[in-house]
Amino acid sequence: MTGPRTGGQILVDQLLIHGATDAFCVPGESYLAVLDALHDADMKVTICRAEGGAAMMAEAAGKLTGKPGICFVTRGPGATNASPGIHIADQDSTPMILFVGQIERGMREREAFQELDYRAVFGTMTKWATEIDDAARIPEIISRAFHVATAGRPGPVVIALPEDVLTDLAGVPDAAPYQVTETHPSLLQTIDLQKRLWAAKAPIAILGGSRWDPQAIARFQRFAERFDLPVAVSFRRQMVFPADHPNFAGDLGIGPNPKLLKRIQDSDLVLLVGGRLSEMPSQSYTLFGIPNPGRPLVHVHPDAEELGRVYRPELAINASPPAFCAALETVHPPQVIPWAGAAAEAHDAYLAWSEQPAPVPGKFHPGEMVTWLRRNIPADAILCNGAGNYATWVHRFHRFTRFATQLAPTSGSMGYGVPAAIGAKRIFPDRTVIAFAGDGCFLMNGQDFATAVQYELPVIVIVVDNGMYGTIRMHQEKHYPGRVSATTLKNPDFSAYARAFGGHGERVETTEEFAPAFERALSSGKPAIIHCLLDPEAITPAKSLSTIRAEAIAAQG
């Protein structure tokens, strides 16, 4: 279309051209022209209760689909409230575009109402932050935003929308749909990789990052099978390799299997695909040396700037996971595999580590809850969580077997689980979606439970309530044993909270009560909260709070 259109209409037309199907927003008068254009657009718009939740929903959509999640917020406080979702997209390498209403162009630099310099505010946590000055340039800038958000290492883009630009008329042609910029390994690199594998005696693969899809995962599975290669996954990237596969060795999260750590430490070749091995999976940067990893490293990453940034690889391959995994079809194993049987041994160690939770203090056992869910929910159920010790049971005892089933922030952001679940249910309405949240985590974005009720999205939120900021309390006891400060919480009845919003509420005090409560929540057909009361002593799968305190006191002499 080239006839005169408002800037708001041009913008919405570009989103449709680039394949956007969903937008998450908190409305604002600064972008009314966009809201008007969305009125007649073939796009689902989800109205949220807080900008942080809206941004996290968009990030979740980007994580599940690989296409940029779209979010609209208003200027000033609306934009700053959305910043946690931007930070998650940045650290989690998720494609996302945040549109922010802005003051009129003629009011700039007067500190007008809710004025911000968005390039300065978001410049350090985005791939690109910009402001549109001319309605005629909207197709160009939106096209660039989609390309930037998806190219190389994906990430967020922020675009400020001056109010008068959105009401200006412009006759400008639409841009063509974006295409993801792909990077491929060279033939020499695949030959080099094969030579290194043939020379190895104890190799291991670690998968992480984004840009994965089911076909790439299937191709890597075939490669791992041909090479009898143990395969681990990075922190909160468990959906990139199926846990029930005989080559799966476990995940490098917080408190990982010691046998997996030893296997990596004893390896003589590490194939790192897609990930960065940042602080959490690298065990606070202790698993490998920096910059010399201490063992041969083949690092495959879609962004050339990540290669050699922290670890010096012997072979650096600038390629996306799909392109690299396609090239693996040409990499052949030796006639005799020196490490034959290593994958089965690693998988057996993973199964033993994740099979049966150890007893914990109190009447409710989160590990037993997770193992029950593992046996009773569909394989394509989407599990979401924010940050907190409650998540350690989910990551250790649930077995992710399919792609697009895990939404968990590698950035460690609290308040993520509930909005992520709502975003996932909007994208995949026919799939079971479960959010896990601690009591502190839930109330950071719990108000968006109202969004689930408004759109009749029957997500199930499992609130694990131990009456404190548990992770901080754990670290407090490690470093300042017995000196409890600023970590205690007094909570409402979360099941009553659910009913007050028009949802379904359950209260669970014992492990035995959980399964029937979950079944009732599921059969209600409503958004539901299951309020689970956890003994504060049950702080980790392995140690109680008192044990951690006693060990810290003993260490202090």
Protein backbone atom coordinates (compact mmCIF):
# COMPACT_ATOMS: atom_id res chain seq x y z
CA MET A 1 0.00 0.00 0.00
CA THR A 2 1.35 3.45 -0.94
CA GLY A 3 -1.61 5.79 -0.29
CA PRO A 4 -1.53 8.20 2.66
CA ARG A 5 -1.80 6.45 6.01
CA THR A 6 -1.23 7.52 9.57
CA GLY A 7 2.03 6.52 11.13
CA GLY A 8 0.12 4.23 13.48
CA GLN A 9 -1.52 2.44 10.53
CA ILE A 10 1.79 2.12 8.68
CA LEU A 11 3.36 0.58 11.77
CA VAL A 12 0.61 -2.01 12.28
CA ASP A 13 0.66 -2.88 8.56
CA GLN A 14 4.40 -3.60 8.84
CA LEU A 15 3.89 -5.89 11.83
CA LEU A 16 1.37 -7.93 9.85
CA ILE A 17 3.69 -8.10 6.83
CA HIS A 18 6.48 -9.44 9.03
CA GLY A 19 4.23 -12.17 10.41
CA ALA A 20 3.35 -10.84 13.84
CA THR A 21 0.21 -12.53 15.19
CA ASP A 22 0.21 -11.38 18.82
CA ALA A 23 0.91 -8.16 20.68
CA PHE A 24 0.99 -7.63 24.44
CA CYS A 25 0.36 -4.18 25.85
CA VAL A 26 -0.61 -1.81 28.60
CA PRO A 27 -2.45 1.00 26.77
CA GLY A 28 -1.29 4.62 26.89
CA GLU A 29 -2.41 7.90 25.39
CA SER A 30 1.02 8.27 23.78
CA TYR A 31 0.24 5.64 21.14
CA LEU A 32 -3.51 5.94 20.65
CA ALA A 33 -3.04 5.99 16.87
CA VAL A 34 -1.50 2.52 17.05
CA LEU A 35 -4.33 1.23 19.24
CA ASP A 36 -6.79 2.59 16.67
CA ALA A 37 -4.98 0.79 13.84
CA LEU A 38 -4.98 -2.43 15.85
CA HIS A 39 -8.78 -2.20 16.14
CA ASP A 40 -9.23 -3.56 12.61
CA ALA A 41 -6.02 -5.61 12.37
CA ASP A 42 -5.89 -9.40 12.20
CA MET A 43 -3.78 -9.60 15.33
CA LYS A 44 -4.47 -10.81 18.86
CA VAL A 45 -3.89 -8.02 21.37
CA THR A 46 -3.49 -9.02 25.00
CA ILE A 47 -4.22 -6.24 27.49
CA CYS A 48 -2.04 -6.64 30.57
CA ARG A 49 -2.11 -5.20 34.08
CA ALA A 50 1.54 -4.13 34.33
CA GLU A 51 4.20 -3.35 31.76
CA GLY A 52 6.68 -5.79 33.30
CA GLY A 53 4.20 -8.61 32.79
CA ALA A 54 3.43 -7.49 29.24
CA ALA A 55 7.11 -7.45 28.31
CA MET A 56 7.66 -10.89 29.85
CA MET A 57 4.69 -12.28 27.90
CA ALA A 58 6.22 -10.95 24.69
CA GLU A 59 9.60 -12.40 25.64
CA ALA A 60 7.98 -15.78 26.29
CA ALA A 61 6.32 -15.65 22.87
CA GLY A 62 9.68 -14.93 21.26
CA LYS A 63 11.34 -17.76 23.16
CA LEU A 64 8.71 -20.31 22.10
CA THR A 65 8.40 -19.31 18.44
CA GLY A 66 11.77 -17.84 17.47
CA LYS A 67 9.92 -14.82 16.04
CA PRO A 68 10.16 -11.43 17.74
CA GLY A 69 7.67 -11.03 20.57
CA ILE A 70 5.80 -7.74 20.24
CA CYS A 71 5.03 -5.42 23.15
CA PHE A 72 3.59 -1.90 23.39
CA VAL A 73 3.89 0.34 26.45
CA THR A 74 3.50 4.02 27.11
CA ARG A 75 6.23 6.54 27.80
CA GLY A 76 8.18 7.20 30.98
CA PRO A 77 6.99 4.90 33.80
CA GLY A 78 5.47 2.50 31.29
CA ALA A 79 8.83 2.04 29.61
CA THR A 80 10.83 1.69 32.82
CA ASN A 81 8.28 -0.78 34.18
CA ALA A 82 8.89 -2.91 31.07
CA SER A 83 12.67 -2.98 31.53
CA PRO A 84 12.81 -6.35 33.39
CA GLY A 85 11.35 -8.05 30.30
CA ILE A 86 13.95 -6.33 28.12
CA HIS A 87 16.76 -7.48 30.41
CA ILE A 88 15.47 -11.07 30.25
CA ALA A 89 15.34 -10.96 26.44
CA ASP A 90 18.88 -9.57 26.39
CA GLN A 91 20.46 -12.20 28.66
CA ASP A 92 18.33 -15.05 27.28
CA SER A 93 19.04 -14.17 23.62
CA THR A 94 15.34 -13.85 22.79
CA PRO A 95 14.05 -11.88 19.78
CA MET A 96 11.70 -9.14 20.93
CA ILE A 97 10.56 -5.67 19.88
CA LEU A 98 9.30 -3.19 22.47
CA PHE A 99 7.43 -0.14 21.15
CA VAL A 100 7.31 2.80 23.54
CA GLY A 101 5.08 5.85 23.25
CA GLN A 102 7.03 9.11 23.26
CA ILE A 103 6.38 12.83 23.64
CA GLU A 104 5.80 14.93 20.53
CA ARG A 105 8.96 15.87 18.63
CA GLY A 106 8.58 19.58 19.31
CA MET A 107 8.72 19.05 23.08
CA ARG A 108 12.05 17.25 23.25
CA GLU A 109 14.70 18.15 25.81
CA ARG A 110 12.36 20.24 27.96
CA GLU A 111 11.74 17.38 30.41
CA ALA A 112 8.19 17.19 29.15
CA PHE A 113 5.62 14.97 30.82
CA GLN A 114 7.14 11.46 31.19
CA GLU A 115 10.00 12.30 28.82
CA LEU A 116 12.92 9.87 28.57
CA ASP A 117 15.91 9.46 26.30
CA TYR A 118 15.19 5.88 25.24
CA ARG A 119 18.49 5.40 23.47
CA ALA A 120 20.29 6.20 26.72
CA VAL A 121 17.92 4.27 28.98
CA PHE A 122 17.84 1.05 26.94
CA GLY A 123 21.09 1.26 25.01
CA THR A 124 23.01 -1.14 27.27
CA MET A 125 20.36 -3.88 27.35
CA THR A 126 19.24 -4.01 23.73
CA LYS A 127 20.71 -4.84 20.34
CA TRP A 128 19.31 -1.55 19.05
CA ALA A 129 17.39 1.34 20.64
CA THR A 130 16.05 4.05 18.38
CA GLU A 131 13.34 6.66 17.87
CA ILE A 132 11.32 7.27 14.74
CA ASP A 133 11.46 10.87 13.47
CA ASP A 134 9.51 10.56 10.24
CA ALA A 135 6.38 8.50 9.51
CA ALA A 136 7.73 7.80 6.02
CA ARG A 137 10.64 5.85 7.56
CA ILE A 138 8.46 3.48 9.59
CA PRO A 139 8.64 0.58 7.06
CA GLU A 140 12.43 0.89 6.93
CA ILE A 141 12.88 0.98 10.69
CA ILE A 142 10.43 -1.84 11.46
CA SER A 143 12.10 -4.02 8.82
CA ARG A 144 15.48 -3.32 10.35
CA ALA A 145 14.13 -4.07 13.83
CA PHE A 146 12.94 -7.55 12.80
CA HIS A 147 16.29 -8.29 11.15
CA VAL A 148 18.33 -7.03 14.10
CA ALA A 149 16.21 -8.88 16.69
CA THR A 150 16.63 -12.24 14.91
CA ALA A 151 20.12 -12.06 13.37
CA GLY A 152 23.20 -13.57 14.98
CA ARG A 153 22.57 -13.78 18.70
CA PRO A 154 18.90 -12.77 18.95
CA GLY A 155 17.84 -10.07 21.36
CA PRO A 156 15.55 -7.12 22.07
CA VAL A 157 15.01 -3.93 20.10
CA VAL A 158 13.35 -0.81 21.56
CA ILE A 159 11.64 1.71 19.29
CA ALA A 160 10.29 5.01 20.63
CA LEU A 161 7.20 6.37 18.88
CA PRO A 162 6.71 10.15 19.10
CA GLU A 163 3.00 10.83 19.41
CA ASP A 164 2.83 13.21 16.45
CA VAL A 165 4.73 10.79 14.18
CA LEU A 166 1.94 8.28 14.74
CA THR A 167 -0.74 10.76 13.62
CA ASP A 168 1.21 12.17 10.66
CA LEU A 169 0.11 11.03 7.20
CA ALA A 170 2.62 9.52 4.79
CA GLY A 171 2.45 7.81 1.42
CA VAL A 172 5.16 5.17 1.58
CA PRO A 173 5.49 1.62 0.21
CA ASP A 174 5.55 -1.31 2.62
CA ALA A 175 8.73 -3.26 3.24
CA ALA A 176 9.09 -6.90 2.21
CA PRO A 177 8.80 -9.57 4.94
CA TYR A 178 12.01 -10.05 6.90
CA GLN A 179 14.21 -13.09 6.51
CA VAL A 180 16.47 -14.42 9.25
CA THR A 181 20.13 -13.87 8.42
CA GLU A 182 21.78 -17.28 8.53
CA THR A 183 25.40 -18.19 9.23
CA HIS A 184 26.86 -21.54 8.16
CA PRO A 185 30.00 -23.52 8.98
CA SER A 186 32.53 -23.94 6.20
CA LEU A 187 33.53 -27.31 4.75
CA LEU A 188 37.01 -26.91 6.24
CA GLN A 189 35.50 -26.36 9.68
CA THR A 190 33.39 -29.52 9.53
CA ILE A 191 36.46 -31.48 8.38
CA ASP A 192 38.44 -29.98 11.27
CA LEU A 193 35.68 -30.94 13.71
CA GLN A 194 35.70 -34.52 12.44
CA LYS A 195 39.49 -34.74 12.86
CA ARG A 196 39.25 -33.46 16.43
CA LEU A 197 36.52 -35.95 17.28
CA TRP A 198 38.54 -38.79 15.79
CA ALA A 199 41.50 -37.80 17.96
CA ALA A 200 39.46 -37.50 21.16
CA LYS A 201 39.17 -40.10 23.91
CA ALA A 202 36.51 -38.50 26.13
CA PRO A 203 34.46 -35.83 24.31
CA ILE A 204 31.22 -34.25 25.49
CA ALA A 205 28.72 -31.83 23.93
CA ILE A 206 27.00 -28.95 25.75
CA LEU A 207 23.98 -27.34 24.06
CA GLY A 208 22.54 -23.96 24.95
CA GLY A 209 21.45 -20.58 23.68
CA SER A 210 18.55 -19.85 21.36
CA ARG A 211 17.86 -20.23 17.61
CA TRP A 212 17.06 -23.94 18.08
CA ASP A 213 14.13 -25.68 16.39
CA PRO A 214 12.81 -29.28 16.34
CA GLN A 215 14.64 -30.16 13.12
CA ALA A 216 18.00 -28.97 14.47
CA ILE A 217 17.47 -30.95 17.67
CA ALA A 218 16.58 -34.08 15.69
CA ARG A 219 19.73 -33.69 13.60
CA PHE A 220 21.91 -33.28 16.66
CA GLN A 221 20.32 -36.38 18.15
CA ARG A 222 21.35 -38.39 15.08
CA PHE A 223 24.86 -36.99 15.30
CA ALA A 224 25.10 -37.87 19.01
CA GLU A 225 23.84 -41.38 18.31
CA ARG A 226 26.38 -41.99 15.53
CA PHE A 227 29.23 -40.78 17.74
CA ASP A 228 27.88 -42.28 21.01
CA LEU A 229 28.41 -38.78 22.39
CA PRO A 230 27.21 -37.67 25.85
CA VAL A 231 25.11 -34.51 25.54
CA ALA A 232 24.53 -32.02 28.35
CA VAL A 233 22.44 -28.85 28.22
CA SER A 234 23.07 -25.44 29.69
CA PHE A 235 21.21 -23.68 32.53
CA ARG A 236 17.47 -23.50 31.82
CA ARG A 237 17.96 -24.76 28.26
CA GLN A 238 16.63 -28.25 28.95
CA MET A 239 14.19 -28.24 26.05
CA VAL A 240 16.99 -28.26 23.43
CA PHE A 241 17.73 -31.99 23.91
CA PRO A 242 15.24 -34.63 25.13
CA ALA A 243 15.87 -35.94 28.62
CA ASP A 244 14.61 -39.39 27.67
CA HIS A 245 17.23 -39.74 24.92
CA PRO A 246 19.90 -42.37 25.75
CA ASN A 247 22.68 -39.83 25.12
CA PHE A 248 21.34 -37.18 27.51
CA ALA A 249 23.80 -36.48 30.34
CA GLY A 250 21.92 -33.81 32.34
CA ASP A 251 21.89 -30.06 32.75
CA LEU A 252 24.49 -27.58 33.92
CA GLY A 253 22.32 -25.58 36.27
CA ILE A 254 22.55 -24.50 39.88
CA GLY A 255 23.67 -27.43 42.01
CA PRO A 256 24.25 -29.83 39.09
CA ASN A 257 25.01 -33.53 39.26
CA PRO A 258 28.61 -33.89 40.55
CA LYS A 259 29.11 -36.80 38.15
CA LEU A 260 28.27 -34.54 35.21
CA LEU A 261 30.73 -31.91 36.41
CA LYS A 262 33.44 -34.55 36.72
CA ARG A 263 32.70 -35.87 33.24
CA ILE A 264 33.18 -32.39 31.81
CA GLN A 265 36.33 -31.82 33.86
CA ASP A 266 37.76 -35.15 32.65
CA SER A 267 36.85 -34.55 29.00
CA ASP A 268 39.46 -33.96 26.34
CA LEU A 269 37.15 -32.21 23.88
CA VAL A 270 34.13 -30.01 24.59
CA LEU A 271 31.71 -29.20 21.78
CA LEU A 272 29.73 -26.14 22.89
CA VAL A 273 26.82 -25.39 20.55
CA GLY A 274 24.71 -22.24 20.77
CA GLY A 275 25.52 -21.30 24.36
CA ARG A 276 27.88 -18.86 26.04
CA LEU A 277 28.77 -20.80 29.22
CA SER A 278 28.01 -17.77 31.35
CA GLU A 279 28.08 -17.57 35.14
CA MET A 280 25.43 -20.14 36.08
CA PRO A 281 26.34 -23.07 33.78
CA SER A 282 30.07 -22.47 34.24
CA GLN A 283 29.65 -22.66 38.03
CA SER A 284 30.71 -19.04 38.54
CA TYR A 285 33.34 -19.31 35.79
CA THR A 286 35.21 -22.12 37.56
CA LEU A 287 34.42 -25.04 35.23
CA PHE A 288 36.75 -23.78 32.51
CA GLY A 289 39.78 -21.54 32.58
CA ILE A 290 39.61 -18.01 31.12
CA PRO A 291 40.70 -17.32 28.46
CA ASN A 292 42.35 -20.76 28.08
CA PRO A 293 39.60 -23.28 28.90
CA GLY A 294 42.12 -25.91 30.01
CA ARG A 295 40.89 -28.44 27.46
CA PRO A 296 40.20 -28.29 23.71
CA LEU A 297 37.01 -26.33 23.03
CA VAL A 298 34.99 -26.22 19.84
CA HIS A 299 32.60 -23.29 20.18
CA VAL A 300 29.68 -22.90 17.79
CA HIS A 301 27.69 -19.68 18.07
CA PRO A 302 25.57 -17.57 15.69
CA ASP A 303 27.23 -14.32 16.80
CA ALA A 304 30.88 -13.89 15.83
CA GLU A 305 31.43 -11.44 18.70
CA GLU A 306 30.73 -14.21 21.25
CA LEU A 307 33.49 -16.43 19.87
CA GLY A 308 36.61 -15.78 21.93
CA ARG A 309 34.86 -13.20 24.08
CA VAL A 310 35.39 -15.21 27.29
CA TYR A 311 36.86 -18.56 26.31
CA ARG A 312 39.52 -19.05 23.64
CA PRO A 313 38.29 -21.95 21.46
CA GLU A 314 40.65 -24.09 19.41
CA LEU A 315 37.96 -24.16 16.74
CA ALA A 316 35.47 -21.29 16.49
CA ILE A 317 32.49 -21.80 14.19
CA ASN A 318 30.22 -18.83 13.47
CA ALA A 319 26.95 -20.64 12.75
CA SER A 320 23.42 -20.88 14.07
CA PRO A 321 22.33 -24.19 15.65
CA PRO A 322 20.08 -25.13 12.67
CA ALA A 323 22.82 -24.47 10.13
CA PHE A 324 25.48 -26.23 12.19
CA CYS A 325 23.29 -29.26 12.86
CA ALA A 326 22.50 -29.55 9.15
CA ALA A 327 26.24 -29.64 8.43
CA LEU A 328 26.73 -32.43 10.99
CA GLU A 329 25.20 -34.84 8.48
CA THR A 330 28.59 -34.79 6.73
CA VAL A 331 30.63 -35.45 9.89
CA HIS A 332 31.29 -39.18 10.28
CA PRO A 333 32.43 -41.18 13.33
CA PRO A 334 35.62 -43.26 13.40
CA GLN A 335 35.33 -46.99 12.74
CA VAL A 336 36.13 -47.64 16.38
CA ILE A 337 34.84 -45.18 18.98
CA PRO A 338 37.31 -45.03 21.91
CA TRP A 339 34.67 -43.67 24.30
CA ALA A 340 32.01 -46.25 23.40
CA GLY A 341 29.56 -46.66 26.26
CA ALA A 342 30.20 -43.20 27.70
CA ALA A 343 26.79 -41.90 26.64
CA ALA A 344 24.94 -44.76 28.34
CA GLU A 345 27.01 -44.31 31.48
CA ALA A 346 26.29 -40.55 31.51
CA HIS A 347 22.57 -41.14 30.94
CA ASP A 348 22.39 -43.70 33.75
CA ALA A 349 24.03 -41.16 36.07
CA TYR A 350 21.45 -38.56 35.03
CA LEU A 351 18.54 -40.94 35.64
CA ALA A 352 19.84 -41.82 39.09
CA TRP A 353 20.28 -38.12 39.91
CA SER A 354 16.79 -37.13 38.77
CA GLU A 355 14.70 -40.16 39.67
CA GLN A 356 13.88 -40.11 43.37
CA PRO A 357 13.94 -36.95 45.51
CA ALA A 358 15.51 -37.26 48.94
CA PRO A 359 13.25 -36.60 51.96
CA VAL A 360 12.84 -32.99 53.07
CA PRO A 361 11.47 -31.46 56.29
CA GLY A 362 7.74 -30.85 56.49
CA LYS A 363 4.55 -32.40 55.17
CA PHE A 364 4.78 -31.10 51.59
CA HIS A 365 7.57 -32.32 49.31
CA PRO A 366 8.13 -30.26 46.14
CA GLY A 367 10.28 -33.00 44.58
CA GLU A 368 7.47 -35.53 44.93
CA MET A 369 5.12 -32.98 43.38
CA VAL A 370 7.38 -32.59 40.35
CA THR A 371 7.84 -36.34 39.85
CA TRP A 372 4.05 -36.78 39.97
CA LEU A 373 3.65 -34.09 37.33
CA ARG A 374 6.38 -35.72 35.25
CA ARG A 375 4.31 -38.91 35.11
CA ASN A 376 0.90 -37.29 34.61
CA ILE A 377 1.08 -34.22 32.38
CA PRO A 378 1.32 -34.31 28.55
CA ALA A 379 4.78 -34.40 26.99
CA ASP A 380 4.08 -31.09 25.24
CA ALA A 381 3.02 -29.28 28.43
CA ILE A 382 4.78 -25.94 28.84
CA LEU A 383 6.43 -25.42 32.23
CA CYS A 384 7.25 -21.86 33.31
CA ASN A 385 9.07 -20.49 36.32
CA GLY A 386 10.73 -17.37 37.60
CA ALA A 387 13.62 -17.34 40.07
CA GLY A 388 13.87 -18.96 43.47
CA ASN A 389 14.95 -22.16 45.18
CA TYR A 390 11.58 -23.75 44.40
CA ALA A 391 12.73 -23.97 40.76
CA THR A 392 15.63 -26.29 41.62
CA TRP A 393 13.18 -29.16 42.11
CA VAL A 394 11.57 -28.44 38.73
CA HIS A 395 14.87 -28.38 36.86
CA ARG A 396 16.25 -31.46 38.57
CA PHE A 397 13.25 -33.79 38.62
CA HIS A 398 11.15 -32.85 35.59
CA ARG A 399 12.30 -34.37 32.30
CA PHE A 400 11.81 -32.06 29.34
CA THR A 401 11.45 -34.19 26.23
CA ARG A 402 10.21 -31.74 23.59
CA PHE A 403 11.16 -28.37 22.19
CA ALA A 404 9.10 -25.30 23.21
CA THR A 405 8.13 -26.73 26.59
CA GLN A 406 10.32 -24.66 28.94
CA LEU A 407 10.06 -20.98 29.81
CA ALA A 408 12.61 -20.07 32.46
CA PRO A 409 14.80 -16.96 32.55
CA THR A 410 18.54 -17.62 32.43
CA SER A 411 18.79 -14.06 33.74
CA GLY A 412 17.28 -15.25 37.04
CA SER A 413 14.44 -12.75 37.00
CA MET A 414 11.73 -13.11 39.62
CA GLY A 415 8.11 -12.61 38.63
CA TYR A 416 8.52 -14.32 35.26
CA GLY A 417 6.49 -17.52 35.62
CA VAL A 418 2.94 -16.12 35.65
CA PRO A 419 3.23 -13.73 32.66
CA ALA A 420 5.27 -16.31 30.73
CA ALA A 421 2.49 -18.84 31.23
CA ILE A 422 -0.14 -16.37 30.04
CA GLY A 423 1.93 -15.51 26.97
CA ALA A 424 2.42 -19.21 26.23
CA LYS A 425 -1.30 -19.97 26.57
CA ARG A 426 -2.15 -17.13 24.18
CA ILE A 427 0.26 -18.60 21.62
CA PHE A 428 -0.64 -22.27 22.23
CA PRO A 429 -4.20 -22.31 23.63
CA ASP A 430 -4.58 -26.09 23.30
CA ARG A 431 -1.53 -27.03 25.36
CA THR A 432 -1.30 -27.51 29.12
CA VAL A 433 0.60 -24.59 30.67
CA ILE A 434 1.89 -24.63 34.25
CA ALA A 435 3.62 -21.81 36.09
CA PHE A 436 5.73 -22.36 39.20
CA ALA A 437 6.30 -19.43 41.52
CA GLY A 438 7.57 -18.84 45.01
CA ASP A 439 5.55 -16.67 47.34
CA GLY A 440 7.89 -13.75 46.74
CA CYS A 441 8.12 -14.47 43.01
CA PHE A 442 4.35 -14.69 42.49
CA LEU A 443 3.45 -11.29 43.91
CA MET A 444 5.90 -9.51 41.64
CA ASN A 445 3.54 -10.06 38.70
CA GLY A 446 0.62 -11.89 40.29
CA GLN A 447 -1.78 -9.12 39.26
CA ASP A 448 -1.66 -10.44 35.71
CA PHE A 449 -3.62 -13.46 36.92
CA ALA A 450 -6.47 -11.07 36.09
CA THR A 451 -5.30 -11.17 32.46
CA ALA A 452 -5.61 -14.96 32.44
CA VAL A 453 -9.16 -14.63 33.79
CA GLN A 454 -10.06 -11.91 31.30
CA TYR A 455 -9.03 -14.04 28.32
CA GLU A 456 -10.25 -17.31 29.86
CA LEU A 457 -6.78 -18.85 29.76
CA PRO A 458 -6.80 -21.91 32.05
CA VAL A 459 -3.17 -21.77 33.16
CA ILE A 460 -2.29 -23.50 36.42
CA VAL A 461 -0.09 -21.54 38.81
CA ILE A 462 1.63 -23.52 41.55
CA VAL A 463 2.69 -21.16 44.34
CA VAL A 464 5.30 -22.68 46.66
CA ASP A 465 4.99 -20.69 49.89
CA ASN A 466 7.71 -20.88 52.57
CA GLY A 467 7.08 -17.41 54.00
CA MET A 468 10.35 -15.86 52.88
CA TYR A 469 12.62 -14.88 50.05
CA GLY A 470 14.11 -18.36 50.20
CA THR A 471 17.13 -18.02 47.94
CA ILE A 472 18.31 -14.88 49.69
CA ARG A 473 17.70 -16.47 53.08
CA MET A 474 19.79 -19.47 52.02
CA HIS A 475 22.70 -17.23 51.04
CA GLN A 476 22.18 -15.20 54.20
CA GLU A 477 22.60 -18.33 56.33
CA LYS A 478 25.71 -19.32 54.36
CA HIS A 479 27.45 -15.99 54.92
CA TYR A 480 25.78 -14.54 58.04
CA PRO A 481 24.39 -17.60 59.86
CA GLY A 482 21.57 -16.92 62.29
CA ARG A 483 21.38 -13.23 61.42
CA VAL A 484 18.03 -13.13 59.60
CA SER A 485 17.41 -9.73 58.02
CA ALA A 486 14.89 -8.49 55.42
CA THR A 487 13.93 -11.93 54.08
CA THR A 488 10.73 -12.81 56.01
CA LEU A 489 7.32 -12.52 54.29
CA LYS A 490 3.72 -12.56 55.51
CA ASN A 491 1.52 -13.89 52.76
CA PRO A 492 -2.16 -13.89 51.86
CA ASP A 493 -4.22 -16.98 51.12
CA PHE A 494 -3.30 -17.40 47.45
CA SER A 495 -6.19 -19.80 46.80
CA ALA A 496 -8.59 -17.08 47.96
CA TYR A 497 -6.69 -14.62 45.75
CA ALA A 498 -7.47 -16.84 42.75
CA ARG A 499 -11.15 -17.03 43.60
CA ALA A 500 -11.33 -13.25 44.11
CA PHE A 501 -10.20 -12.78 40.50
CA GLY A 502 -12.74 -15.32 39.22
CA GLY A 503 -10.34 -18.23 38.99
CA HIS A 504 -10.05 -21.58 40.75
CA GLY A 505 -8.15 -21.83 44.05
CA GLU A 506 -6.69 -24.79 45.97
CA ARG A 507 -4.73 -24.97 49.21
CA VAL A 508 -2.26 -27.84 49.68
CA GLU A 509 -0.57 -28.61 53.00
CA THR A 510 0.64 -32.18 52.36
CA THR A 511 2.18 -34.02 49.43
CA GLU A 512 -0.81 -36.36 49.27
CA GLU A 513 -3.19 -33.44 48.75
CA PHE A 514 -1.42 -32.17 45.65
CA ALA A 515 -2.52 -34.67 42.98
CA PRO A 516 -6.28 -34.36 43.62
CA ALA A 517 -5.93 -30.58 43.91
CA PHE A 518 -4.16 -30.44 40.55
CA GLU A 519 -6.82 -32.62 38.93
CA ARG A 520 -9.59 -30.37 40.29
CA ALA A 521 -7.76 -27.29 39.05
CA LEU A 522 -7.33 -28.81 35.60
CA SER A 523 -10.95 -29.94 35.32
CA SER A 524 -12.25 -26.53 36.45
CA GLY A 525 -11.39 -25.07 33.05
CA LYS A 526 -10.43 -21.82 34.76
CA PRO A 527 -7.13 -20.12 35.52
CA ALA A 528 -6.10 -21.70 38.80
CA ILE A 529 -3.74 -21.19 41.71
CA ILE A 530 -2.59 -24.10 43.84
CA HIS A 531 -1.21 -22.67 47.08
CA CYS A 532 1.36 -25.15 48.44
CA LEU A 533 2.72 -24.63 51.96
CA LEU A 534 6.41 -25.54 52.21
CA ASP A 535 8.36 -25.92 55.44
CA PRO A 536 11.02 -23.16 55.51
CA GLU A 537 13.59 -25.82 56.43
CA ALA A 538 13.09 -27.48 53.00
CA ILE A 539 15.35 -25.01 51.24
CA THR A 540 17.17 -27.26 48.70
CA PRO A 541 16.84 -30.84 47.42
CA ALA A 542 19.95 -31.79 49.40
CA LYS A 543 20.20 -29.62 52.54
CA SER A 544 17.90 -28.05 55.11
CA LEU A 545 18.20 -24.46 56.24
CA SER A 546 19.47 -25.59 59.65
CA THR A 547 22.14 -27.74 58.02
CA ILE A 548 23.35 -24.83 55.92
CA ARG A 549 23.47 -22.62 59.01
CA ALA A 550 25.33 -25.24 61.06
CA GLU A 551 27.90 -25.76 58.29
CA ALA A 552 28.47 -22.00 58.04
CA ILE A 553 28.96 -21.67 61.80
CA ALA A 554 31.38 -24.60 61.81
CA ALA A 555 33.35 -23.09 58.93
CA GLN A 556 33.69 -19.83 60.85
CA GLY A 557 35.27 -21.77 63.69
